[in-house]
Amino acid sequence: MKATSRFWLFLLALPFMPLHLQAEIALTGQWVRDLNQQSLKDPQTSGLTWRHGELLSLGDQSADPGLRMKLFRINPQTAVFNQRPIDITISADVRKSCFGDYIANSPDLEALTWDRLDDLTLITVTEDASRAQLSPSCAKKYAQTNSTSYPTLLLKISLNADFSSAEITAVRPVQFPLESKVGNLPNDGIEGLAVDDHQNLYLALEKNSATLPAIFKTRLTADFWAKDNFVKVIDANLAMPPLDNKGHPINGIDFLPSPIPGHPGYLVAVARNDDQLWIFDLTNRVQPFVQPLSFFVATDNSGLCPVYEKMVQTALEGVAVHQGKVYLVNDPWKQHYPDNIQCDVNAEHFNKMAPLLFEMSVDPRWFTLARPTVKTTLPGISAMAMVTNDSYLLVQDKKIDQGGDRLGLLQFSPEGKPSYKSIFVTGWPQNQPSNDLESMCALPGRQNEFLLAESGSWHGEFGRLFHLKLYQGYATVLASFALPVQRDNTEQQAGDNFEGLACLNKAPNRFLLVLGERGGNGQRGSLTGATLI
């Protein structure tokens, strides 16, 4: 009986064991080499990005002194430098800023990307600044980081046209959301940066106070680098894979465009401790795709060693995506990198902390189209419109900082049983979802076409009317228009609050729209009419 009991307990425990459903992919690396074909001595490559046919990288503050504050231009096919490393200099304005002293003394640079509207602008970020101090006035000005005592810094690196010089010309401190509980962890900060097709800048955090990774985002506006105040990032609202509290940091990210029209794309993240890639769908409608990896390096043809030896410690820290290829670079962990030594042929490389470049193809399974979720309970509803006699389109009033779908379809079976399916929306303007949808109407004579209105503006943003078409399982925004906002909403004043919308057919392809403003706070409710052509 005892043996049988243990057997059944074992079977019952199986469903709770962590399983990797994807087969492990084995990658073979190439030593990153200089112009003399020598592997690099401890560059601590901590970022990677693709730009104009080559890979760019840089190192952190623990790199060999001769390789700090330099940009590396790497041939993606051979892993050999395209030219000598380029010194990263510092402008006079940055030197005079609150952060000039730290930036001038081997800052801990931890990621690399570039501005998609200005390819002469690279962006990097600092991590460990525990040895630095701000002046009393600067410390007071930048105290509210909601993270480390010394702020995380985003740095603008300006290139000249022929890429012969690189200069840090602007700096922005980062403020994290208080509710994210980032914590004061100087060496577990931002280690990944990525820019999508709509100028959203994503920042990947190694771990927060709960020892879990996180991803934040902000907008790269036209005046982004002209300001010196905090960049107030928001949570990107991306679900993580199932994780325990034993340390699963994200150490690099890059943007992967989607082949699906209107889809916002993906983030490819490096999970260093897990030897995995995590593929985040930016719709956040499916769990991240987890791809286990293993890493090998070639030996020689002597017959004394295996042709390839498997690495036991890799420590990936950079990822770059370009035209169906994913490039990965490691940042050798000094305590454990020599543990990889098996054959003498690679001993010198491992002992000098030489990094490796890996390459793999984008997996088509990563592009799984977001699946609608089916529920038997309804979320909060702010508006509805009939689609057919037994189905209705529903709207949720989610704010801009809330992830998830804004639309859903309420369907009744022949027996009258309701079911609710969320509806994925493509084509949001500038990839910015709606903010506080409060009203909707069906366009007369236009099958499955609807107008949806936000409640108003907030600090000059939002206040939009969306023209949307519903398809099987998803919807797409055909156009957007500015609402006739008269009073902006701010912390100091209550502005317009549109909560009703009616659509009437005036003539072929001409519609009368009537917007209902709720009133309140001393304001009367009102109706506003407009013609849509």
Foldseek 3Di string as FASTA:
>chain_A
DVVVVVVVVVVVCVVVDDDAPADAAEWAWAFQEEPVRHFDFFQLWQEWADDDQWIKTGHFLPGDVVRFQWIFTAHQVHNYTPHDTAHEAEDPVCCPDQCNVCVVRGFGWAYWDAFPVDRQKMKTKGFAPVVDDGDPVVLVQPCQQLEASDFIKIWIWGADPVRRHTYGYFIAGAHEDNVVQQYHDRHFAWREWEQFPLQKIKTWTFQGPLQDIFIWIAGPDPCNRVDHHHGYIAGLPADADDDDNPGFTWQYWYWDAAPDPQQRGWIWTQRQVQQWTWITRSLNQDYTNIHHYWYWYAADDPVPDPRIATFPHAAWRYWYDDDFKIKIKHRDDQVCQCVRDDDPRCNVCSNSRTMIMIMDGDDPVRNPPRAWDKDQDDDDFQEWEDQDPFKIKTADQAAQSDHHAGIWMWGADPVRRIMIIGAAEGADVSPGDAHGWREKYAAPPDRQWIKIFHQAAAPPDHQKIFIKGDDVRYIYTPDMDHHPWDFHDYPVDDGWGWRYWYWADPDVQKIKIKTWTPDDPPGDIDIDIDIGD
